[in-house]
All heavy atoms as atom14 arrays in JSON, in Angstrom:
{
  "sequence": "SICLLPLPQVYAAEGLLSLPVPGTMVRLSPAYEPPLLKGIKVHPD",
  "atom14_mask": [
    [1, 1, 1, 1, 1, 1, 0, 0, 0, 0, 0, 0, 0, 0],
    [1, 1, 1, 1, 1, 1, 1, 1, 0, 0, 0, 0, 0, 0],
    [1, 1, 1, 1, 1, 1, 0, 0, 0, 0, 0, 0, 0, 0],
    [1, 1, 1, 1, 1, 1, 1, 1, 0, 0, 0, 0, 0, 0],
    [1, 1, 1, 1, 1, 1, 1, 1, 0, 0, 0, 0, 0, 0],
    [1, 1, 1, 1, 1, 1, 1, 0, 0, 0, 0, 0, 0, 0],
    [1, 1, 1, 1, 1, 1, 1, 1, 0, 0, 0, 0, 0, 0],
    [1, 1, 1, 1, 1, 1, 1, 0, 0, 0, 0, 0, 0, 0],
    [1, 1, 1, 1, 1, 1, 1, 1, 1, 0, 0, 0, 0, 0],
    [1, 1, 1, 1, 1, 1, 1, 0, 0, 0, 0, 0, 0, 0],
    [1, 1, 1, 1, 1, 1, 1, 1, 1, 1, 1, 1, 0, 0],
    [1, 1, 1, 1, 1, 0, 0, 0, 0, 0, 0, 0, 0, 0],
    [1, 1, 1, 1, 1, 0, 0, 0, 0, 0, 0, 0, 0, 0],
    [1, 1, 1, 1, 1, 1, 1, 1, 1, 0, 0, 0, 0, 0],
    [1, 1, 1, 1, 0, 0, 0, 0, 0, 0, 0, 0, 0, 0],
    [1, 1, 1, 1, 1, 1, 1, 1, 0, 0, 0, 0, 0, 0],
    [1, 1, 1, 1, 1, 1, 1, 1, 0, 0, 0, 0, 0, 0],
    [1, 1, 1, 1, 1, 1, 0, 0, 0, 0, 0, 0, 0, 0],
    [1, 1, 1, 1, 1, 1, 1, 1, 0, 0, 0, 0, 0, 0],
    [1, 1, 1, 1, 1, 1, 1, 0, 0, 0, 0, 0, 0, 0],
    [1, 1, 1, 1, 1, 1, 1, 0, 0, 0, 0, 0, 0, 0],
    [1, 1, 1, 1, 1, 1, 1, 0, 0, 0, 0, 0, 0, 0],
    [1, 1, 1, 1, 0, 0, 0, 0, 0, 0, 0, 0, 0, 0],
    [1, 1, 1, 1, 1, 1, 1, 0, 0, 0, 0, 0, 0, 0],
    [1, 1, 1, 1, 1, 1, 1, 1, 0, 0, 0, 0, 0, 0],
    [1, 1, 1, 1, 1, 1, 1, 0, 0, 0, 0, 0, 0, 0],
    [1, 1, 1, 1, 1, 1, 1, 1, 1, 1, 1, 0, 0, 0],
    [1, 1, 1, 1, 1, 1, 1, 1, 0, 0, 0, 0, 0, 0],
    [1, 1, 1, 1, 1, 1, 0, 0, 0, 0, 0, 0, 0, 0],
    [1, 1, 1, 1, 1, 1, 1, 0, 0, 0, 0, 0, 0, 0],
    [1, 1, 1, 1, 1, 0, 0, 0, 0, 0, 0, 0, 0, 0],
    [1, 1, 1, 1, 1, 1, 1, 1, 1, 1, 1, 1, 0, 0],
    [1, 1, 1, 1, 1, 1, 1, 1, 1, 0, 0, 0, 0, 0],
    [1, 1, 1, 1, 1, 1, 1, 0, 0, 0, 0, 0, 0, 0],
    [1, 1, 1, 1, 1, 1, 1, 0, 0, 0, 0, 0, 0, 0],
    [1, 1, 1, 1, 1, 1, 1, 1, 0, 0, 0, 0, 0, 0],
    [1, 1, 1, 1, 1, 1, 1, 1, 0, 0, 0, 0, 0, 0],
    [1, 1, 1, 1, 1, 1, 1, 1, 1, 0, 0, 0, 0, 0],
    [1, 1, 1, 1, 0, 0, 0, 0, 0, 0, 0, 0, 0, 0],
    [1, 1, 1, 1, 1, 1, 1, 1, 0, 0, 0, 0, 0, 0],
    [1, 1, 1, 1, 1, 1, 1, 1, 1, 0, 0, 0, 0, 0],
    [1, 1, 1, 1, 1, 1, 1, 0, 0, 0, 0, 0, 0, 0],
    [1, 1, 1, 1, 1, 1, 1, 1, 1, 1, 0, 0, 0, 0],
    [1, 1, 1, 1, 1, 1, 1, 0, 0, 0, 0, 0, 0, 0],
    [1, 1, 1, 1, 1, 1, 1, 1, 0, 0, 0, 0, 0, 0]
  ],
  "atom14_positions": [
    [[0.79, -1.22, -0.04], [0.02, -0.01, 0.03], [0.83, 1.31, 0.01], [0.44, 2.25, -0.57], [-0.9, 0.0, 1.25], [-0.19, 0.02, 2.37], [0.0, 0.0, 0.0], [0.0, 0.0, 0.0], [0.0, 0.0, 0.0], [0.0, 0.0, 0.0], [0.0, 0.0, 0.0], [0.0, 0.0, 0.0], [0.0, 0.0, 0.0], [0.0, 0.0, 0.0]],
    [[2.01, 1.26, 0.74], [2.95, 2.42, 0.61], [3.52, 2.57, -0.76], [3.64, 3.64, -1.26], [4.03, 2.24, 1.74], [3.4, 2.34, 3.1], [5.14, 3.19, 1.58], [4.36, 2.0, 4.19], [0.0, 0.0, 0.0], [0.0, 0.0, 0.0], [0.0, 0.0, 0.0], [0.0, 0.0, 0.0], [0.0, 0.0, 0.0], [0.0, 0.0, 0.0]],
    [[3.92, 1.45, -1.43], [4.54, 1.55, -2.74], [3.52, 2.05, -3.76], [3.91, 2.64, -4.77], [5.03, 0.16, -3.13], [6.48, -0.28, -2.21], [0.0, 0.0, 0.0], [0.0, 0.0, 0.0], [0.0, 0.0, 0.0], [0.0, 0.0, 0.0], [0.0, 0.0, 0.0], [0.0, 0.0, 0.0], [0.0, 0.0, 0.0], [0.0, 0.0, 0.0]],
    [[2.27, 1.81, -3.57], [1.18, 2.2, -4.61], [0.64, 3.5, -4.35], [-0.27, 3.89, -5.07], [0.13, 1.09, -4.67], [0.61, -0.33, -5.19], [-0.5, -1.37, -5.13], [1.21, -0.24, -6.48], [0.0, 0.0, 0.0], [0.0, 0.0, 0.0], [0.0, 0.0, 0.0], [0.0, 0.0, 0.0], [0.0, 0.0, 0.0], [0.0, 0.0, 0.0]],
    [[1.05, 4.19, -3.29], [0.52, 5.54, -3.12], [0.95, 6.51, -4.23], [2.11, 6.43, -4.65], [1.07, 6.11, -1.78], [0.44, 5.51, -0.46], [1.18, 6.1, 0.7], [-1.05, 5.83, -0.39], [0.0, 0.0, 0.0], [0.0, 0.0, 0.0], [0.0, 0.0, 0.0], [0.0, 0.0, 0.0], [0.0, 0.0, 0.0], [0.0, 0.0, 0.0]],
    [[0.06, 7.33, -4.63], [0.49, 8.28, -5.72], [1.5, 9.23, -5.19], [1.38, 9.91, -4.08], [-0.83, 9.0, -6.1], [-1.75, 8.85, -4.86], [-1.33, 7.62, -4.18], [0.0, 0.0, 0.0], [0.0, 0.0, 0.0], [0.0, 0.0, 0.0], [0.0, 0.0, 0.0], [0.0, 0.0, 0.0], [0.0, 0.0, 0.0], [0.0, 0.0, 0.0]],
    [[2.52, 9.52, -5.94], [3.55, 10.42, -5.55], [3.32, 11.78, -6.07], [2.67, 11.97, -7.18], [4.99, 9.92, -6.13], [5.41, 8.6, -5.52], [6.67, 8.14, -6.28], [5.6, 8.64, -4.07], [0.0, 0.0, 0.0], [0.0, 0.0, 0.0], [0.0, 0.0, 0.0], [0.0, 0.0, 0.0], [0.0, 0.0, 0.0], [0.0, 0.0, 0.0]],
    [[3.81, 12.9, -5.43], [3.55, 14.18, -6.01], [4.31, 14.35, -7.32], [5.4, 13.85, -7.45], [4.04, 15.16, -4.93], [4.95, 14.32, -4.14], [4.42, 12.91, -4.19], [0.0, 0.0, 0.0], [0.0, 0.0, 0.0], [0.0, 0.0, 0.0], [0.0, 0.0, 0.0], [0.0, 0.0, 0.0], [0.0, 0.0, 0.0], [0.0, 0.0, 0.0]],
    [[3.72, 15.09, -8.23], [4.4, 15.38, -9.5], [5.56, 16.23, -9.3], [5.49, 17.29, -8.64], [3.38, 15.89, -10.52], [3.93, 15.79, -11.97], [2.83, 15.89, -12.9], [1.7, 16.22, -12.64], [3.11, 15.45, -14.16], [0.0, 0.0, 0.0], [0.0, 0.0, 0.0], [0.0, 0.0, 0.0], [0.0, 0.0, 0.0], [0.0, 0.0, 0.0]],
    [[6.67, 15.87, -9.91], [7.93, 16.6, -9.81], [8.15, 17.38, -11.1], [8.02, 16.77, -12.19], [9.11, 15.67, -9.51], [10.44, 16.48, -9.46], [8.9, 14.89, -8.24], [0.0, 0.0, 0.0], [0.0, 0.0, 0.0], [0.0, 0.0, 0.0], [0.0, 0.0, 0.0], [0.0, 0.0, 0.0], [0.0, 0.0, 0.0], [0.0, 0.0, 0.0]],
    [[8.34, 18.65, -10.95], [8.66, 19.46, -12.16], [10.12, 19.81, -12.21], [10.79, 19.99, -11.17], [7.8, 20.77, -12.08], [6.28, 20.52, -12.14], [5.57, 20.46, -11.0], [5.66, 20.29, -13.35], [4.2, 20.2, -11.0], [4.33, 20.02, -13.4], [3.62, 19.99, -12.28], [2.26, 19.73, -12.33], [0.0, 0.0, 0.0], [0.0, 0.0, 0.0]],
    [[10.66, 19.99, -13.43], [12.0, 20.26, -13.65], [12.18, 21.77, -13.23], [11.43, 22.59, -13.6], [12.38, 20.15, -15.08], [0.0, 0.0, 0.0], [0.0, 0.0, 0.0], [0.0, 0.0, 0.0], [0.0, 0.0, 0.0], [0.0, 0.0, 0.0], [0.0, 0.0, 0.0], [0.0, 0.0, 0.0], [0.0, 0.0, 0.0], [0.0, 0.0, 0.0]],
    [[13.31, 21.99, -12.55], [13.6, 23.38, -12.16], [14.13, 24.15, -13.38], [14.69, 23.62, -14.28], [14.77, 23.37, -11.08], [0.0, 0.0, 0.0], [0.0, 0.0, 0.0], [0.0, 0.0, 0.0], [0.0, 0.0, 0.0], [0.0, 0.0, 0.0], [0.0, 0.0, 0.0], [0.0, 0.0, 0.0], [0.0, 0.0, 0.0], [0.0, 0.0, 0.0]],
    [[13.76, 25.41, -13.42], [14.15, 26.22, -14.57], [15.7, 26.39, -14.6], [16.31, 26.44, -13.63], [13.56, 27.65, -14.47], [12.02, 27.65, -14.75], [11.49, 29.02, -14.76], [12.23, 29.93, -15.19], [10.24, 29.19, -14.31], [0.0, 0.0, 0.0], [0.0, 0.0, 0.0], [0.0, 0.0, 0.0], [0.0, 0.0, 0.0], [0.0, 0.0, 0.0]],
    [[16.26, 26.22, -15.77], [17.64, 26.27, -15.92], [18.34, 24.95, -15.95], [19.44, 24.77, -16.46], [0.0, 0.0, 0.0], [0.0, 0.0, 0.0], [0.0, 0.0, 0.0], [0.0, 0.0, 0.0], [0.0, 0.0, 0.0], [0.0, 0.0, 0.0], [0.0, 0.0, 0.0], [0.0, 0.0, 0.0], [0.0, 0.0, 0.0], [0.0, 0.0, 0.0]],
    [[17.81, 23.89, -15.39], [18.43, 22.59, -15.46], [18.25, 22.0, -16.84], [19.17, 21.38, -17.37], [17.82, 21.67, -14.32], [18.13, 22.05, -12.97], [17.39, 21.07, -11.97], [19.6, 22.15, -12.67], [0.0, 0.0, 0.0], [0.0, 0.0, 0.0], [0.0, 0.0, 0.0], [0.0, 0.0, 0.0], [0.0, 0.0, 0.0], [0.0, 0.0, 0.0]],
    [[17.05, 22.18, -17.38], [16.75, 21.66, -18.73], [16.7, 22.86, -19.72], [15.97, 23.8, -19.47], [15.54, 20.85, -18.81], [15.51, 19.56, -17.99], [14.12, 18.97, -18.04], [16.51, 18.6, -18.54], [0.0, 0.0, 0.0], [0.0, 0.0, 0.0], [0.0, 0.0, 0.0], [0.0, 0.0, 0.0], [0.0, 0.0, 0.0], [0.0, 0.0, 0.0]],
    [[17.43, 22.81, -20.86], [17.31, 23.87, -21.75], [16.2, 23.63, -22.73], [16.52, 23.29, -23.88], [18.68, 24.09, -22.47], [18.96, 22.89, -23.14], [0.0, 0.0, 0.0], [0.0, 0.0, 0.0], [0.0, 0.0, 0.0], [0.0, 0.0, 0.0], [0.0, 0.0, 0.0], [0.0, 0.0, 0.0], [0.0, 0.0, 0.0], [0.0, 0.0, 0.0]],
    [[15.04, 23.68, -22.32], [13.81, 23.5, -23.21], [13.43, 24.81, -23.82], [13.44, 25.84, -23.14], [12.68, 22.89, -22.41], [12.92, 21.49, -21.84], [11.8, 21.12, -21.05], [13.22, 20.5, -23.02], [0.0, 0.0, 0.0], [0.0, 0.0, 0.0], [0.0, 0.0, 0.0], [0.0, 0.0, 0.0], [0.0, 0.0, 0.0], [0.0, 0.0, 0.0]],
    [[12.92, 24.87, -24.99], [12.38, 26.14, -25.58], [11.1, 26.51, -25.01], [10.37, 25.67, -24.5], [12.33, 25.72, -27.1], [12.09, 24.35, -27.15], [12.87, 23.73, -25.99], [0.0, 0.0, 0.0], [0.0, 0.0, 0.0], [0.0, 0.0, 0.0], [0.0, 0.0, 0.0], [0.0, 0.0, 0.0], [0.0, 0.0, 0.0], [0.0, 0.0, 0.0]],
    [[10.75, 27.71, -25.11], [9.53, 28.25, -24.68], [8.42, 27.72, -25.53], [8.6, 27.52, -26.71], [9.54, 29.9, -24.8], [8.22, 30.51, -24.4], [10.75, 30.42, -24.03], [0.0, 0.0, 0.0], [0.0, 0.0, 0.0], [0.0, 0.0, 0.0], [0.0, 0.0, 0.0], [0.0, 0.0, 0.0], [0.0, 0.0, 0.0], [0.0, 0.0, 0.0]],
    [[7.27, 27.37, -24.9], [6.16, 26.85, -25.65], [5.82, 27.78, -26.85], [5.73, 28.95, -26.64], [5.07, 26.67, -24.63], [5.77, 26.5, -23.34], [6.97, 27.39, -23.47], [0.0, 0.0, 0.0], [0.0, 0.0, 0.0], [0.0, 0.0, 0.0], [0.0, 0.0, 0.0], [0.0, 0.0, 0.0], [0.0, 0.0, 0.0], [0.0, 0.0, 0.0]],
    [[5.55, 27.13, -27.97], [5.21, 27.91, -29.17], [6.4, 28.3, -30.0], [6.21, 28.84, -31.13], [0.0, 0.0, 0.0], [0.0, 0.0, 0.0], [0.0, 0.0, 0.0], [0.0, 0.0, 0.0], [0.0, 0.0, 0.0], [0.0, 0.0, 0.0], [0.0, 0.0, 0.0], [0.0, 0.0, 0.0], [0.0, 0.0, 0.0], [0.0, 0.0, 0.0]],
    [[7.6, 28.0, -29.6], [8.8, 28.46, -30.34], [9.13, 27.31, -31.33], [8.99, 26.14, -30.95], [10.01, 28.64, -29.44], [9.67, 29.51, -28.45], [11.25, 29.04, -30.14], [0.0, 0.0, 0.0], [0.0, 0.0, 0.0], [0.0, 0.0, 0.0], [0.0, 0.0, 0.0], [0.0, 0.0, 0.0], [0.0, 0.0, 0.0], [0.0, 0.0, 0.0]],
    [[9.46, 27.63, -32.47], [9.86, 26.6, -33.52], [11.15, 25.97, -33.15], [12.12, 26.62, -32.8], [9.96, 27.22, -34.9], [10.18, 26.3, -35.98], [10.15, 27.17, -37.54], [10.59, 25.93, -38.61], [0.0, 0.0, 0.0], [0.0, 0.0, 0.0], [0.0, 0.0, 0.0], [0.0, 0.0, 0.0], [0.0, 0.0, 0.0], [0.0, 0.0, 0.0]],
    [[11.16, 24.61, -33.2], [12.3, 23.9, -32.82], [12.98, 23.48, -34.16], [12.38, 22.87, -35.02], [12.01, 22.62, -32.0], [13.18, 21.82, -31.68], [11.24, 23.07, -30.72], [0.0, 0.0, 0.0], [0.0, 0.0, 0.0], [0.0, 0.0, 0.0], [0.0, 0.0, 0.0], [0.0, 0.0, 0.0], [0.0, 0.0, 0.0], [0.0, 0.0, 0.0]],
    [[14.31, 23.7, -34.31], [15.05, 23.38, -35.5], [15.48, 21.96, -35.49], [15.63, 21.36, -34.46], [16.21, 24.31, -35.67], [15.86, 25.72, -35.72], [17.05, 26.56, -36.15], [16.77, 28.0, -36.07], [16.1, 28.72, -37.02], [15.73, 28.11, -38.09], [15.91, 29.95, -36.81], [0.0, 0.0, 0.0], [0.0, 0.0, 0.0], [0.0, 0.0, 0.0]],
    [[15.63, 21.38, -36.67], [16.16, 20.05, -36.82], [17.53, 19.93, -36.47], [18.36, 20.81, -36.67], [15.93, 19.48, -38.24], [14.51, 19.38, -38.72], [14.43, 19.06, -40.19], [13.72, 18.35, -37.91], [0.0, 0.0, 0.0], [0.0, 0.0, 0.0], [0.0, 0.0, 0.0], [0.0, 0.0, 0.0], [0.0, 0.0, 0.0], [0.0, 0.0, 0.0]],
    [[17.99, 18.76, -35.93], [19.38, 18.53, -35.66], [20.06, 18.11, -36.93], [19.43, 17.69, -37.84], [19.46, 17.43, -34.61], [18.95, 16.26, -35.06], [0.0, 0.0, 0.0], [0.0, 0.0, 0.0], [0.0, 0.0, 0.0], [0.0, 0.0, 0.0], [0.0, 0.0, 0.0], [0.0, 0.0, 0.0], [0.0, 0.0, 0.0], [0.0, 0.0, 0.0]],
    [[21.4, 18.25, -37.02], [22.12, 17.8, -38.28], [21.95, 16.36, -38.52], [21.83, 15.61, -37.57], [23.57, 18.29, -38.03], [23.7, 18.49, -36.53], [22.29, 18.77, -35.97], [0.0, 0.0, 0.0], [0.0, 0.0, 0.0], [0.0, 0.0, 0.0], [0.0, 0.0, 0.0], [0.0, 0.0, 0.0], [0.0, 0.0, 0.0], [0.0, 0.0, 0.0]],
    [[21.97, 16.02, -39.77], [21.79, 14.62, -40.18], [23.02, 13.77, -39.65], [24.1, 14.33, -39.62], [21.7, 14.52, -41.72], [0.0, 0.0, 0.0], [0.0, 0.0, 0.0], [0.0, 0.0, 0.0], [0.0, 0.0, 0.0], [0.0, 0.0, 0.0], [0.0, 0.0, 0.0], [0.0, 0.0, 0.0], [0.0, 0.0, 0.0], [0.0, 0.0, 0.0]],
    [[22.77, 12.64, -39.24], [23.78, 11.73, -38.7], [23.54, 10.31, -38.98], [22.38, 9.85, -38.81], [23.88, 11.97, -37.11], [24.78, 10.98, -36.48], [26.19, 11.05, -36.72], [24.28, 10.07, -35.64], [26.98, 10.11, -36.04], [25.09, 9.12, -34.95], [26.44, 9.21, -35.17], [27.26, 8.27, -34.57], [0.0, 0.0, 0.0], [0.0, 0.0, 0.0]],
    [[24.58, 9.6, -39.47], [24.44, 8.15, -39.62], [25.37, 7.48, -38.64], [26.57, 7.67, -38.68], [24.84, 7.79, -41.04], [23.8, 8.25, -42.14], [24.22, 7.8, -43.48], [24.95, 6.79, -43.58], [23.83, 8.51, -44.38], [0.0, 0.0, 0.0], [0.0, 0.0, 0.0], [0.0, 0.0, 0.0], [0.0, 0.0, 0.0], [0.0, 0.0, 0.0]],
    [[24.8, 6.74, -37.74], [25.67, 6.1, -36.68], [26.42, 4.91, -37.22], [26.04, 4.4, -38.31], [24.69, 5.65, -35.65], [23.43, 5.33, -36.39], [23.37, 6.43, -37.46], [0.0, 0.0, 0.0], [0.0, 0.0, 0.0], [0.0, 0.0, 0.0], [0.0, 0.0, 0.0], [0.0, 0.0, 0.0], [0.0, 0.0, 0.0], [0.0, 0.0, 0.0]],
    [[27.45, 4.47, -36.57], [28.13, 3.28, -37.0], [27.13, 2.16, -37.02], [26.31, 2.0, -36.15], [29.21, 3.05, -35.93], [29.41, 4.36, -35.31], [28.05, 5.03, -35.44], [0.0, 0.0, 0.0], [0.0, 0.0, 0.0], [0.0, 0.0, 0.0], [0.0, 0.0, 0.0], [0.0, 0.0, 0.0], [0.0, 0.0, 0.0], [0.0, 0.0, 0.0]],
    [[27.22, 1.28, -38.09], [26.25, 0.19, -38.26], [27.0, -1.15, -38.41], [28.01, -1.23, -39.14], [25.53, 0.41, -39.57], [24.39, -0.44, -39.95], [23.27, -0.43, -38.89], [23.87, -0.14, -41.25], [0.0, 0.0, 0.0], [0.0, 0.0, 0.0], [0.0, 0.0, 0.0], [0.0, 0.0, 0.0], [0.0, 0.0, 0.0], [0.0, 0.0, 0.0]],
    [[26.61, -2.09, -37.59], [27.13, -3.46, -37.72], [26.79, -4.17, -38.92], [25.61, -4.38, -39.24], [26.7, -4.28, -36.5], [27.26, -5.71, -36.32], [28.75, -5.65, -36.17], [26.54, -6.42, -35.23], [0.0, 0.0, 0.0], [0.0, 0.0, 0.0], [0.0, 0.0, 0.0], [0.0, 0.0, 0.0], [0.0, 0.0, 0.0], [0.0, 0.0, 0.0]],
    [[27.71, -4.48, -39.82], [27.43, -5.07, -41.18], [27.68, -6.59, -41.01], [26.93, -7.39, -41.8], [28.38, -4.62, -42.22], [28.11, -3.13, -42.53], [26.86, -3.0, -43.38], [26.67, -1.59, -43.86], [25.53, -1.44, -44.73], [0.0, 0.0, 0.0], [0.0, 0.0, 0.0], [0.0, 0.0, 0.0], [0.0, 0.0, 0.0], [0.0, 0.0, 0.0]],
    [[28.48, -7.08, -40.24], [28.67, -8.53, -40.05], [29.61, -8.91, -38.97], [30.26, -8.05, -38.4], [0.0, 0.0, 0.0], [0.0, 0.0, 0.0], [0.0, 0.0, 0.0], [0.0, 0.0, 0.0], [0.0, 0.0, 0.0], [0.0, 0.0, 0.0], [0.0, 0.0, 0.0], [0.0, 0.0, 0.0], [0.0, 0.0, 0.0], [0.0, 0.0, 0.0]],
    [[29.59, -10.24, -38.68], [30.5, -10.79, -37.6], [31.22, -12.01, -38.2], [30.59, -12.82, -38.79], [29.68, -11.27, -36.34], [28.95, -10.09, -35.73], [30.65, -11.85, -35.34], [28.04, -10.43, -34.58], [0.0, 0.0, 0.0], [0.0, 0.0, 0.0], [0.0, 0.0, 0.0], [0.0, 0.0, 0.0], [0.0, 0.0, 0.0], [0.0, 0.0, 0.0]],
    [[32.56, -12.01, -38.03], [33.32, -13.12, -38.58], [33.75, -13.95, -37.35], [34.32, -13.45, -36.4], [34.56, -12.62, -39.31], [35.33, -13.78, -39.83], [36.64, -13.15, -40.59], [37.48, -14.25, -41.13], [38.65, -13.73, -41.8], [0.0, 0.0, 0.0], [0.0, 0.0, 0.0], [0.0, 0.0, 0.0], [0.0, 0.0, 0.0], [0.0, 0.0, 0.0]],
    [[33.35, -15.22, -37.31], [33.77, -16.12, -36.22], [34.84, -17.11, -36.78], [34.64, -17.66, -37.75], [32.47, -16.99, -35.76], [32.83, -17.87, -34.63], [31.37, -16.0, -35.31], [0.0, 0.0, 0.0], [0.0, 0.0, 0.0], [0.0, 0.0, 0.0], [0.0, 0.0, 0.0], [0.0, 0.0, 0.0], [0.0, 0.0, 0.0], [0.0, 0.0, 0.0]],
    [[35.93, -17.24, -36.05], [36.98, -18.05, -36.48], [36.65, -19.5, -36.05], [36.4, -19.79, -34.84], [38.28, -17.67, -35.84], [38.73, -16.29, -36.31], [39.48, -16.08, -37.43], [38.43, -15.02, -35.87], [39.71, -14.78, -37.61], [39.05, -14.1, -36.72], [0.0, 0.0, 0.0], [0.0, 0.0, 0.0], [0.0, 0.0, 0.0], [0.0, 0.0, 0.0]],
    [[36.74, -20.57, -37.01], [36.42, -21.85, -36.68], [37.39, -22.49, -35.63], [36.89, -23.34, -34.81], [36.47, -22.63, -37.99], [36.89, -21.61, -39.03], [37.06, -20.31, -38.4], [0.0, 0.0, 0.0], [0.0, 0.0, 0.0], [0.0, 0.0, 0.0], [0.0, 0.0, 0.0], [0.0, 0.0, 0.0], [0.0, 0.0, 0.0], [0.0, 0.0, 0.0]],
    [[38.67, -22.09, -35.66], [39.67, -22.75, -34.73], [39.49, -22.14, -33.4], [39.86, -22.77, -32.34], [41.03, -22.49, -35.21], [41.4, -21.04, -35.5], [40.44, -20.25, -35.78], [42.6, -20.67, -35.39], [0.0, 0.0, 0.0], [0.0, 0.0, 0.0], [0.0, 0.0, 0.0], [0.0, 0.0, 0.0], [0.0, 0.0, 0.0], [0.0, 0.0, 0.0]]
  ]
}
């Protein structure tokens, strides 16, 4: 019953997260292609 009690909602303090003001246009991040695993070679010996 203690674990299932509703907890008070926690809000982020101003300045900790650099979020834009609501209604502001958010720009796209630059395009990025991460390293991609193409294959694995297993040695029989």
